PDB file of N, CA and C in Angstrom:
ATOM      1  N   MET A   1     -12.702 -40.411   1.651  1.00  0.00           N
ATOM      2  CA  MET A   1     -11.882 -39.922   2.324  1.00  0.00           C
ATOM      3  C   MET A   1     -12.031 -40.395   3.698  1.00  0.00           C
ATOM      4  N   SER A   2     -11.620 -40.203   4.655  1.00  0.00           N
ATOM      5  CA  SER A   2     -12.343 -41.026   5.977  1.00  0.00           C
ATOM      6  C   SER A   2     -12.485 -40.137   6.533  1.00  0.00           C
ATOM      7  N   PRO A   3     -13.617 -40.422   7.649  1.00  0.00           N
ATOM      8  CA  PRO A   3     -13.981 -39.234   8.586  1.00  0.00           C
ATOM      9  C   PRO A   3     -12.479 -38.395   9.329  1.00  0.00           C
ATOM     10  N   ARG A   4     -11.379 -38.730  10.127  1.00  0.00           N
ATOM     11  CA  ARG A   4     -10.287 -39.285  10.891  1.00  0.00           C
ATOM     12  C   ARG A   4      -9.825 -37.806   9.640  1.00  0.00           C
ATOM     13  N   HIS A   5      -9.636 -38.103   8.386  1.00  0.00           N
ATOM     14  CA  HIS A   5      -9.133 -37.269   7.307  1.00  0.00           C
ATOM     15  C   HIS A   5      -9.895 -36.085   6.871  1.00  0.00           C
ATOM     16  N   SER A   6     -11.166 -35.934   6.772  1.00  0.00           N
ATOM     17  CA  SER A   6     -11.697 -34.957   6.583  1.00  0.00           C
ATOM     18  C   SER A   6     -11.583 -34.166   8.352  1.00  0.00           C
ATOM     19  N   GLN A   7     -11.887 -34.311   9.511  1.00  0.00           N
ATOM     20  CA  GLN A   7     -11.268 -33.198  10.379  1.00  0.00           C
ATOM     21  C   GLN A   7     -10.351 -32.829  10.536  1.00  0.00           C
ATOM     22  N   TYR A   8      -9.066 -33.947  10.001  1.00  0.00           N
ATOM     23  CA  TYR A   8      -7.706 -32.817   9.590  1.00  0.00           C
ATOM     24  C   TYR A   8      -7.400 -31.724   9.081  1.00  0.00           C
ATOM     25  N   LEU A   9      -8.409 -32.183   7.578  1.00  0.00           N
ATOM     26  CA  LEU A   9      -8.760 -31.185   6.856  1.00  0.00           C
ATOM     27  C   LEU A   9      -8.757 -29.679   7.224  1.00  0.00           C
ATOM     28  N   ALA A  10     -10.321 -30.322   7.606  1.00  0.00           N
ATOM     29  CA  ALA A  10     -11.461 -29.104   8.643  1.00  0.00           C
ATOM     30  C   ALA A  10     -10.191 -28.085   9.488  1.00  0.00           C
ATOM     31  N   VAL A  11      -9.764 -28.883  10.152  1.00  0.00           N
ATOM     32  CA  VAL A  11      -8.570 -28.247  11.936  1.00  0.00           C
ATOM     33  C   VAL A  11      -7.373 -27.589  10.195  1.00  0.00           C
ATOM     34  N   VAL A  12      -6.826 -28.367   9.778  1.00  0.00           N
ATOM     35  CA  VAL A  12      -5.621 -26.885   8.931  1.00  0.00           C
ATOM     36  C   VAL A  12      -6.065 -25.702   8.138  1.00  0.00           C
ATOM     37  N   SER A  13      -7.298 -26.668   7.863  1.00  0.00           N
ATOM     38  CA  SER A  13      -7.578 -24.864   6.933  1.00  0.00           C
ATOM     39  C   SER A  13      -8.513 -24.144   7.611  1.00  0.00           C
ATOM     40  N   PHE A  14      -9.066 -24.084   8.652  1.00  0.00           N
ATOM     41  CA  PHE A  14      -9.369 -23.047   9.600  1.00  0.00           C
ATOM     42  C   PHE A  14      -8.350 -22.884  10.643  1.00  0.00           C
ATOM     43  N   ALA A  15      -6.971 -23.635  10.396  1.00  0.00           N
ATOM     44  CA  ALA A  15      -5.575 -22.182  11.302  1.00  0.00           C
ATOM     45  C   ALA A  15      -5.195 -21.702   9.423  1.00  0.00           C
ATOM     46  N   ALA A  16      -4.860 -22.068   8.978  1.00  0.00           N
ATOM     47  CA  ALA A  16      -4.937 -21.557   7.896  1.00  0.00           C
ATOM     48  C   ALA A  16      -5.183 -20.032   7.673  1.00  0.00           C
ATOM     49  N   CYS A  17      -6.514 -20.313   7.932  1.00  0.00           N
ATOM     50  CA  CYS A  17      -7.530 -19.316   6.907  1.00  0.00           C
ATOM     51  C   CYS A  17      -7.727 -18.157   8.298  1.00  0.00           C
ATOM     52  N   SER A  18      -7.014 -18.852   9.779  1.00  0.00           N
ATOM     53  CA  SER A  18      -6.780 -17.941  11.217  1.00  0.00           C
ATOM     54  C   SER A  18      -5.560 -16.788  10.772  1.00  0.00           C
ATOM     55  N   LEU A  19      -4.499 -17.922   9.648  1.00  0.00           N
ATOM     56  CA  LEU A  19      -3.194 -17.076   9.966  1.00  0.00           C
ATOM     57  C   LEU A  19      -3.386 -16.081   9.447  1.00  0.00           C
ATOM     58  N   LEU A  20      -3.730 -16.459   7.809  1.00  0.00           N
ATOM     59  CA  LEU A  20      -4.129 -15.742   6.835  1.00  0.00           C
ATOM     60  C   LEU A  20      -4.908 -14.163   6.996  1.00  0.00           C
ATOM     61  N   ALA A  21      -5.921 -14.051   7.981  1.00  0.00           N
ATOM     62  CA  ALA A  21      -6.011 -12.632   8.291  1.00  0.00           C
ATOM     63  C   ALA A  21      -5.956 -12.575   8.948  1.00  0.00           C
ATOM     64  N   GLY A  22      -4.734 -12.942   9.928  1.00  0.00           N
ATOM     65  CA  GLY A  22      -3.632 -12.431  11.464  1.00  0.00           C
ATOM     66  C   GLY A  22      -2.687 -11.610  10.259  1.00  0.00           C
ATOM     67  N   CYS A  23      -2.759 -11.874   9.125  1.00  0.00           N
ATOM     68  CA  CYS A  23      -1.289 -11.386   8.193  1.00  0.00           C
ATOM     69  C   CYS A  23      -1.949 -10.058   7.286  1.00  0.00           C
ATOM     70  N   GLY A  24      -3.464 -10.755   7.046  1.00  0.00           N
ATOM     71  CA  GLY A  24      -3.400  -8.905   6.200  1.00  0.00           C
ATOM     72  C   GLY A  24      -2.879  -7.732   7.087  1.00  0.00           C
ATOM     73  N   GLY A  25      -3.548  -7.118   8.477  1.00  0.00           N
ATOM     74  CA  GLY A  25      -2.866  -6.372   8.960  1.00  0.00           C
ATOM     75  C   GLY A  25      -1.195  -5.676   8.619  1.00  0.00           C
ATOM     76  N   ALA A  26      -0.238  -7.071   9.291  1.00  0.00           N
ATOM     77  CA  ALA A  26       0.464  -7.037   9.317  1.00  0.00           C
ATOM     78  C   ALA A  26       1.767  -6.629   7.727  1.00  0.00           C
ATOM     79  N   LEU A  27       0.721  -7.014   6.297  1.00  0.00           N
ATOM     80  CA  LEU A  27       0.877  -6.286   4.731  1.00  0.00           C
ATOM     81  C   LEU A  27       0.498  -5.063   4.484  1.00  0.00           C
ATOM     82  N   TYR A  28      -0.367  -4.959   5.340  1.00  0.00           N
ATOM     83  CA  TYR A  28      -1.311  -3.972   5.030  1.00  0.00           C
ATOM     84  C   TYR A  28      -0.378  -3.125   5.569  1.00  0.00           C
ATOM     85  N   ALA A  29       0.000  -3.208   6.706  1.00  0.00           N
ATOM     86  CA  ALA A  29       1.642  -2.308   7.281  1.00  0.00           C
ATOM     87  C   ALA A  29       2.780  -1.598   6.446  1.00  0.00           C
ATOM     88  N   THR A  30       3.127  -2.400   6.031  1.00  0.00           N
ATOM     89  CA  THR A  30       4.750  -2.744   5.151  1.00  0.00           C
ATOM     90  C   THR A  30       3.796  -1.934   4.004  1.00  0.00           C
ATOM     91  N   HIS A  31       2.712  -2.351   3.814  1.00  0.00           N
ATOM     92  CA  HIS A  31       2.637  -1.450   2.105  1.00  0.00           C
ATOM     93  C   HIS A  31       2.280  -0.213   2.039  1.00  0.00           C
ATOM     94  N   ALA A  32       1.471  -0.283   4.018  1.00  0.00           N
ATOM     95  CA  ALA A  32       1.206   1.313   4.025  1.00  0.00           C
ATOM     96  C   ALA A  32       2.576   2.286   4.339  1.00  0.00           C
ATOM     97  N   SER A  33       3.262   1.979   5.447  1.00  0.00           N
ATOM     98  CA  SER A  33       4.779   2.284   5.320  1.00  0.00           C
ATOM     99  C   SER A  33       4.926   2.764   4.207  1.00  0.00           C
ATOM    100  N   ALA A  34       5.453   1.821   3.663  1.00  0.00           N
ATOM    101  CA  ALA A  34       6.905   2.002   2.120  1.00  0.00           C
ATOM    102  C   ALA A  34       5.972   3.237   1.677  1.00  0.00           C
ATOM    103  N   ALA A  35       4.506   3.511   0.587  1.00  0.00           N
ATOM    104  CA  ALA A  35       4.034   4.688  -0.181  1.00  0.00           C
ATOM    105  C   ALA A  35       4.075   5.732   1.352  1.00  0.00           C
ATOM    106  N   ALA A  36       3.760   6.058   2.620  1.00  0.00           N
ATOM    107  CA  ALA A  36       3.390   7.126   3.382  1.00  0.00           C
ATOM    108  C   ALA A  36       4.998   7.353   3.159  1.00  0.00           C
ATOM    109  N   SER A  37       6.116   6.759   3.061  1.00  0.00           N
ATOM    110  CA  SER A  37       7.777   7.451   2.804  1.00  0.00           C
ATOM    111  C   SER A  37       7.978   7.513   1.474  1.00  0.00           C
ATOM    112  N   LYS A  38       7.200   7.344   0.499  1.00  0.00           N
ATOM    113  CA  LYS A  38       7.467   7.244  -0.829  1.00  0.00           C
ATOM    114  C   LYS A  38       6.476   8.742  -1.193  1.00  0.00           C
ATOM    115  N   VAL A  39       5.271   8.982  -0.429  1.00  0.00           N
ATOM    116  CA  VAL A  39       4.198   9.877  -0.591  1.00  0.00           C
ATOM    117  C   VAL A  39       5.055  11.398   0.237  1.00  0.00           C
ATOM    118  N   GLU A  40       6.093  11.407   1.572  1.00  0.00           N
ATOM    119  CA  GLU A  40       6.752  12.265   1.744  1.00  0.00           C
ATOM    120  C   GLU A  40       7.993  12.620   0.894  1.00  0.00           C
ATOM    121  N   GLN A  41       8.208  11.980   0.494  1.00  0.00           N
ATOM    122  CA  GLN A  41       9.824  12.530  -0.221  1.00  0.00           C
ATOM    123  C   GLN A  41       9.069  12.878  -1.227  1.00  0.00           C
ATOM    124  N   ALA A  42       7.977  12.223  -1.602  1.00  0.00           N
ATOM    125  CA  ALA A  42       7.970  13.337  -2.579  1.00  0.00           C
ATOM    126  C   ALA A  42       7.563  14.276  -2.669  1.00  0.00           C
ATOM    127  N   LYS A  43       7.107  15.018  -1.369  1.00  0.00           N
ATOM    128  CA  LYS A  43       6.583  16.226  -1.195  1.00  0.00           C
ATOM    129  C   LYS A  43       7.652  16.845  -0.687  1.00  0.00           C
ATOM    130  N   HIS A  44       8.172  16.352  -0.495  1.00  0.00           N
ATOM    131  CA  HIS A  44       9.809  16.789   0.178  1.00  0.00           C
ATOM    132  C   HIS A  44      10.354  17.406  -0.981  1.00  0.00           C
ATOM    133  N   LEU A  45      10.493  16.560  -2.067  1.00  0.00           N
ATOM    134  CA  LEU A  45      10.884  17.041  -3.350  1.00  0.00           C
ATOM    135  C   LEU A  45      10.457  18.184  -4.026  1.00  0.00           C
ATOM    136  N   GLY A  46       9.081  18.686  -3.411  1.00  0.00           N
ATOM    137  CA  GLY A  46       8.463  19.487  -3.836  1.00  0.00           C
ATOM    138  C   GLY A  46       7.569  19.001  -5.499  1.00  0.00           C
ATOM    139  N   ALA A  47       6.600  17.931  -5.362  1.00  0.00           N
ATOM    140  CA  ALA A  47       5.961  16.999  -5.447  1.00  0.00           C
ATOM    141  C   ALA A  47       4.553  17.845  -6.411  1.00  0.00           C
ATOM    142  N   GLU A  48       3.829  18.366  -5.465  1.00  0.00           N
ATOM    143  CA  GLU A  48       2.980  19.316  -5.266  1.00  0.00           C
ATOM    144  C   GLU A  48       3.155  20.170  -5.940  1.00  0.00           C
ATOM    145  N   THR A  49       4.047  20.589  -6.820  1.00  0.00           N
ATOM    146  CA  THR A  49       3.840  21.169  -7.395  1.00  0.00           C
ATOM    147  C   THR A  49       4.453  21.407  -9.011  1.00  0.00           C
ATOM    148  N   LEU A  50       5.173  20.361  -8.832  1.00  0.00           N
ATOM    149  CA  LEU A  50       6.434  19.992  -9.734  1.00  0.00           C
ATOM    150  C   LEU A  50       5.245  18.730 -10.391  1.00  0.00           C
ATOM    151  N   ALA A  51       5.221  18.060  -9.988  1.00  0.00           N
ATOM    152  CA  ALA A  51       4.049  16.913 -10.231  1.00  0.00           C
ATOM    153  C   ALA A  51       2.851  16.161  -9.420  1.00  0.00           C
ATOM    154  N   PRO A  52       1.197  17.213  -9.887  1.00  0.00           N
ATOM    155  CA  PRO A  52       0.607  17.766  -8.527  1.00  0.00           C
ATOM    156  C   PRO A  52      -0.445  16.389  -9.104  1.00  0.00           C
ATOM    157  N   TYR A  53      -0.257  15.558 -10.519  1.00  0.00           N
ATOM    158  CA  TYR A  53      -1.632  14.992 -10.828  1.00  0.00           C
ATOM    159  C   TYR A  53      -1.177  13.497  -9.625  1.00  0.00           C
ATOM    160  N   GLU A  54       0.188  13.547  -9.625  1.00  0.00           N
ATOM    161  CA  GLU A  54       0.544  12.155  -9.459  1.00  0.00           C
ATOM    162  C   GLU A  54       0.980  11.763  -7.819  1.00  0.00           C
ATOM    163  N   TYR A  55       1.938  13.108  -7.747  1.00  0.00           N
ATOM    164  CA  TYR A  55       1.303  13.345  -5.504  1.00  0.00           C
ATOM    165  C   TYR A  55       0.273  13.233  -4.989  1.00  0.00           C
ATOM    166  N   TYR A  56      -0.893  14.080  -5.471  1.00  0.00           N
ATOM    167  CA  TYR A  56      -2.356  14.467  -4.803  1.00  0.00           C
ATOM    168  C   TYR A  56      -2.916  12.432  -4.949  1.00  0.00           C
ATOM    169  N   PHE A  57      -2.666  12.493  -6.333  1.00  0.00           N
ATOM    170  CA  PHE A  57      -3.563  10.427  -6.491  1.00  0.00           C
ATOM    171  C   PHE A  57      -2.993   9.605  -5.708  1.00  0.00           C
ATOM    172  N   ALA A  58      -1.592  10.105  -5.472  1.00  0.00           N
ATOM    173  CA  ALA A  58      -0.481   8.495  -4.579  1.00  0.00           C
ATOM    174  C   ALA A  58      -1.366   9.291  -3.070  1.00  0.00           C
ATOM    175  N   LYS A  59      -1.138  10.691  -2.616  1.00  0.00           N
ATOM    176  CA  LYS A  59      -1.844  10.856  -1.674  1.00  0.00           C
ATOM    177  C   LYS A  59      -2.841   9.976  -0.993  1.00  0.00           C
ATOM    178  N   GLU A  60      -4.035  10.619  -1.648  1.00  0.00           N
ATOM    179  CA  GLU A  60      -5.782   9.780  -2.085  1.00  0.00           C
ATOM    180  C   GLU A  60      -6.298   8.952  -1.525  1.00  0.00           C
ATOM    181  N   HIS A  61      -5.171   7.792  -2.552  1.00  0.00           N
ATOM    182  CA  HIS A  61      -5.016   6.557  -2.603  1.00  0.00           C
ATOM    183  C   HIS A  61      -4.476   6.077  -0.975  1.00  0.00           C
ATOM    184  N   LEU A  62      -3.713   6.416  -0.672  1.00  0.00           N
ATOM    185  CA  LEU A  62      -3.204   6.168   1.012  1.00  0.00           C
ATOM    186  C   LEU A  62      -3.856   6.141   1.419  1.00  0.00           C
ATOM    187  N   GLU A  63      -4.727   8.047   1.307  1.00  0.00           N
ATOM    188  CA  GLU A  63      -5.557   7.962   2.739  1.00  0.00           C
ATOM    189  C   GLU A  63      -6.954   7.049   2.563  1.00  0.00           C
ATOM    190  N   LYS A  64      -7.596   6.943   1.683  1.00  0.00           N
ATOM    191  CA  LYS A  64      -8.525   5.665   1.249  1.00  0.00           C
ATOM    192  C   LYS A  64      -7.831   3.875   2.042  1.00  0.00           C
ATOM    193  N   ALA A  65      -6.250   3.973   1.435  1.00  0.00           N
ATOM    194  CA  ALA A  65      -5.871   2.398   2.419  1.00  0.00           C
ATOM    195  C   ALA A  65      -6.189   2.163   3.462  1.00  0.00           C
ATOM    196  N   LYS A  66      -6.094   3.953   4.092  1.00  0.00           N
ATOM    197  CA  LYS A  66      -5.933   3.465   5.441  1.00  0.00           C
ATOM    198  C   LYS A  66      -8.228   3.176   6.227  1.00  0.00           C
ATOM    199  N   SER A  67      -8.240   3.652   5.527  1.00  0.00           N
ATOM    200  CA  SER A  67      -9.685   3.754   5.365  1.00  0.00           C
ATOM    201  C   SER A  67     -10.514   2.730   5.272  1.00  0.00           C
ATOM    202  N   GLU A  68     -10.188   2.048   4.308  1.00  0.00           N
ATOM    203  CA  GLU A  68      -9.829   0.674   3.936  1.00  0.00           C
ATOM    204  C   GLU A  68      -9.629  -0.398   5.114  1.00  0.00           C
ATOM    205  N   ALA A  69      -8.309  -0.315   5.840  1.00  0.00           N
ATOM    206  CA  ALA A  69      -8.017  -0.861   7.038  1.00  0.00           C
ATOM    207  C   ALA A  69      -8.553  -0.976   7.404  1.00  0.00           C
ATOM    208  N   ALA A  70      -8.739   0.417   8.323  1.00  0.00           N
ATOM    209  CA  ALA A  70      -9.857   0.532   9.399  1.00  0.00           C
ATOM    210  C   ALA A  70     -10.794   0.024   9.455  1.00  0.00           C
ATOM    211  N   GLU A  71     -11.630  -0.151   8.398  1.00  0.00           N
ATOM    212  CA  GLU A  71     -12.221  -0.845   7.942  1.00  0.00           C
ATOM    213  C   GLU A  71     -12.633  -2.483   8.153  1.00  0.00           C
ATOM    214  N   GLY A  72     -11.607  -3.082   8.205  1.00  0.00           N
ATOM    215  CA  GLY A  72     -10.976  -4.477   8.259  1.00  0.00           C
ATOM    216  C   GLY A  72     -10.911  -5.466   7.038  1.00  0.00           C
ATOM    217  N   ASP A  73     -10.926  -4.141   5.933  1.00  0.00           N
ATOM    218  CA  ASP A  73     -10.758  -4.619   4.216  1.00  0.00           C
ATOM    219  C   ASP A  73      -9.279  -4.875   3.775  1.00  0.00           C
ATOM    220  N   TYR A  74      -8.566  -5.355   3.835  1.00  0.00           N
ATOM    221  CA  TYR A  74      -7.166  -5.932   4.296  1.00  0.00           C
ATOM    222  C   TYR A  74      -6.261  -5.659   3.046  1.00  0.00           C
ATOM    223  N   SER A  75      -7.282  -6.230   1.401  1.00  0.00           N
ATOM    224  CA  SER A  75      -7.203  -6.873   0.487  1.00  0.00           C
ATOM    225  C   SER A  75      -7.517  -5.442  -0.379  1.00  0.00           C
ATOM    226  N   ASP A  76      -8.179  -4.376  -0.225  1.00  0.00           N
ATOM    227  CA  ASP A  76      -8.529  -3.401  -0.747  1.00  0.00           C
ATOM    228  C   ASP A  76      -7.246  -2.523  -1.059  1.00  0.00           C
ATOM    229  N   ALA A  77      -7.632  -2.396   0.970  1.00  0.00           N
ATOM    230  CA  ALA A  77      -5.696  -1.623   1.068  1.00  0.00           C
ATOM    231  C   ALA A  77      -4.483  -1.430   0.709  1.00  0.00           C
ATOM    232  N   ILE A  78      -4.112  -3.257   0.810  1.00  0.00           N
ATOM    233  CA  ILE A  78      -2.965  -3.383   0.351  1.00  0.00           C
ATOM    234  C   ILE A  78      -2.812  -3.030  -1.240  1.00  0.00           C
ATOM    235  N   SER A  79      -3.893  -3.294  -1.358  1.00  0.00           N
ATOM    236  CA  SER A  79      -4.138  -2.753  -3.515  1.00  0.00           C
ATOM    237  C   SER A  79      -4.035  -0.811  -3.484  1.00  0.00           C
ATOM    238  N   LEU A  80      -4.700  -0.261  -2.911  1.00  0.00           N
ATOM    239  CA  LEU A  80      -4.569   0.968  -2.341  1.00  0.00           C
ATOM    240  C   LEU A  80      -3.147   1.216  -2.112  1.00  0.00           C
ATOM    241  N   ALA A  81      -2.371   0.967  -1.402  1.00  0.00           N
ATOM    242  CA  ALA A  81      -1.778   1.070  -0.764  1.00  0.00           C
ATOM    243  C   ALA A  81      -0.055   1.006  -2.179  1.00  0.00           C
ATOM    244  N   GLU A  82      -0.546  -0.313  -2.276  1.00  0.00           N
ATOM    245  CA  GLU A  82       0.005  -0.398  -3.629  1.00  0.00           C
ATOM    246  C   GLU A  82       0.315   0.962  -4.817  1.00  0.00           C
ATOM    247  N   ILE A  83      -1.071   0.725  -4.704  1.00  0.00           N
ATOM    248  CA  ILE A  83      -1.174   2.477  -6.243  1.00  0.00           C
ATOM    249  C   ILE A  83      -0.607   3.643  -5.603  1.00  0.00           C
ATOM    250  N   ALA A  84      -0.282   3.623  -3.751  1.00  0.00           N
ATOM    251  CA  ALA A  84      -0.386   4.768  -3.869  1.00  0.00           C
ATOM    252  C   ALA A  84       0.929   5.134  -3.979  1.00  0.00           C
ATOM    253  N   GLU A  85       2.023   4.080  -3.578  1.00  0.00           N
ATOM    254  CA  GLU A  85       3.269   4.224  -3.943  1.00  0.00           C
ATOM    255  C   GLU A  85       4.214   4.020  -5.084  1.00  0.00           C
ATOM    256  N   GLU A  86       3.498   3.871  -6.243  1.00  0.00           N
ATOM    257  CA  GLU A  86       3.819   3.850  -7.347  1.00  0.00           C
ATOM    258  C   GLU A  86       3.715   5.120  -7.882  1.00  0.00           C
ATOM    259  N   HIS A  87       2.285   5.437  -7.637  1.00  0.00           N
ATOM    260  CA  HIS A  87       1.935   7.229  -8.102  1.00  0.00           C
ATOM    261  C   HIS A  87       3.193   8.078  -7.418  1.00  0.00           C
ATOM    262  N   ALA A  88       3.423   7.207  -6.398  1.00  0.00           N
ATOM    263  CA  ALA A  88       4.721   8.753  -5.603  1.00  0.00           C
ATOM    264  C   ALA A  88       5.605   8.078  -6.495  1.00  0.00           C
ATOM    265  N   ASP A  89       6.068   7.396  -6.171  1.00  0.00           N
ATOM    266  CA  ASP A  89       7.386   7.071  -7.246  1.00  0.00           C
ATOM    267  C   ASP A  89       7.835   7.751  -8.343  1.00  0.00           C
ATOM    268  N   LYS A  90       6.248   7.516  -9.127  1.00  0.00           N
ATOM    269  CA  LYS A  90       6.348   8.593  -9.959  1.00  0.00           C
ATOM    270  C   LYS A  90       6.379   9.949 -10.029  1.00  0.00           C
ATOM    271  N   ALA A  91       6.164  10.630  -8.948  1.00  0.00           N
ATOM    272  CA  ALA A  91       6.081  12.059  -8.389  1.00  0.00           C
ATOM    273  C   ALA A  91       7.741  12.089  -8.054  1.00  0.00           C
ATOM    274  N   ILE A  92       8.206  11.791  -7.543  1.00  0.00           N
ATOM    275  CA  ILE A  92       9.877  11.574  -7.410  1.00  0.00           C
ATOM    276  C   ILE A  92      10.285  11.815  -8.469  1.00  0.00           C
ATOM    277  N   LYS A  93       9.808  11.240  -8.957  1.00  0.00           N
ATOM    278  CA  LYS A  93      11.332  10.631 -10.652  1.00  0.00           C
ATOM    279  C   LYS A  93      10.537  11.684 -11.185  1.00  0.00           C
ATOM    280  N   LEU A  94       9.413  12.672 -11.548  1.00  0.00           N
ATOM    281  CA  LEU A  94       9.182  13.665 -12.552  1.00  0.00           C
ATOM    282  C   LEU A  94       9.997  15.130 -11.485  1.00  0.00           C
ATOM    283  N   SER A  95       9.763  14.844  -9.584  1.00  0.00           N
ATOM    284  CA  SER A  95      10.286  15.839  -9.392  1.00  0.00           C
ATOM    285  C   SER A  95      11.872  16.166  -9.842  1.00  0.00           C
ATOM    286  N   ARG A  96      12.621  15.007  -9.206  1.00  0.00           N
ATOM    287  CA  ARG A  96      14.117  15.111  -9.640  1.00  0.00           C
ATOM    288  C   ARG A  96      14.338  16.065 -11.563  1.00  0.00           C
ATOM    289  N   GLU A  97      13.252  15.345 -12.160  1.00  0.00           N
ATOM    290  CA  GLU A  97      13.711  15.554 -13.692  1.00  0.00           C
ATOM    291  C   GLU A  97      13.263  16.741 -13.813  1.00  0.00           C
ATOM    292  N   ALA A  98      12.794  17.382 -13.020  1.00  0.00           N
ATOM    293  CA  ALA A  98      12.215  18.929 -13.102  1.00  0.00           C
ATOM    294  C   ALA A  98      13.401  19.726 -11.996  1.00  0.00           C
ATOM    295  N   HIS A  99      13.701  19.448 -11.143  1.00  0.00           N
ATOM    296  CA  HIS A  99      14.973  20.012 -10.499  1.00  0.00           C
ATOM    297  C   HIS A  99      16.699  20.191 -11.370  1.00  0.00           C
ATOM    298  N   ARG A 100      16.380  18.601 -11.803  1.00  0.00           N
ATOM    299  CA  ARG A 100      17.703  18.477 -13.317  1.00  0.00           C
ATOM    300  C   ARG A 100      17.319  19.261 -13.941  1.00  0.00           C
ATOM    301  N   GLY A 101      16.730  19.272 -14.019  1.00  0.00           N
ATOM    302  CA  GLY A 101      16.343  20.728 -15.005  1.00  0.00           C
ATOM    303  C   GLY A 101      16.381  21.875 -15.229  1.00  0.00           C
ATOM    304  N   ALA A 102      16.045  22.192 -14.112  1.00  0.00           N
ATOM    305  CA  ALA A 102      16.518  24.269 -13.137  1.00  0.00           C
ATOM    306  C   ALA A 102      17.249  24.116 -13.260  1.00  0.00           C
ATOM    307  N   GLY A 103      18.192  22.772 -13.291  1.00  0.00           N
ATOM    308  CA  GLY A 103      19.437  23.303 -12.791  1.00  0.00           C
ATOM    309  C   GLY A 103      20.020  23.350 -11.057  1.00  0.00           C
ATOM    310  N   ARG A 104      19.493  22.636 -10.317  1.00  0.00           N
ATOM    311  CA  ARG A 104      19.635  22.883  -9.876  1.00  0.00           C
ATOM    312  C   ARG A 104      20.840  21.437  -8.828  1.00  0.00           C
TER     313      ARG A 104
END
C-alpha cells in the first residue's frame, strides 16, 4: 500500500469515526423520545396498576438510558431506551386488554 493511500485511509477512518460519534446523540434522542412517549401513553392507560411490572421496568430503563446518555455512553443509552420502549409497548397492550376485559 502506498503512503498516499495509507494517508487517505487514515483521513477517511477519522472522518467516519467523527460522524459516528456525532450520530450517537441523535440516535439516542430518537429512541428516547419514542420510549418516553410510550411510557407516558402507558401511564395514561393506567399501566401503573394494570401492568405494573412492565410499566415500571420501562420507566426505570428509560431513566437509566438518560443517565448513560448524560455520561456520553450512547450505545448503552440506545439499548436501554429500546428495552424501555419494548416494555412500554407490553404495558400498553396489557392495559388495553384489561380495559376491554372490564367492559370499558
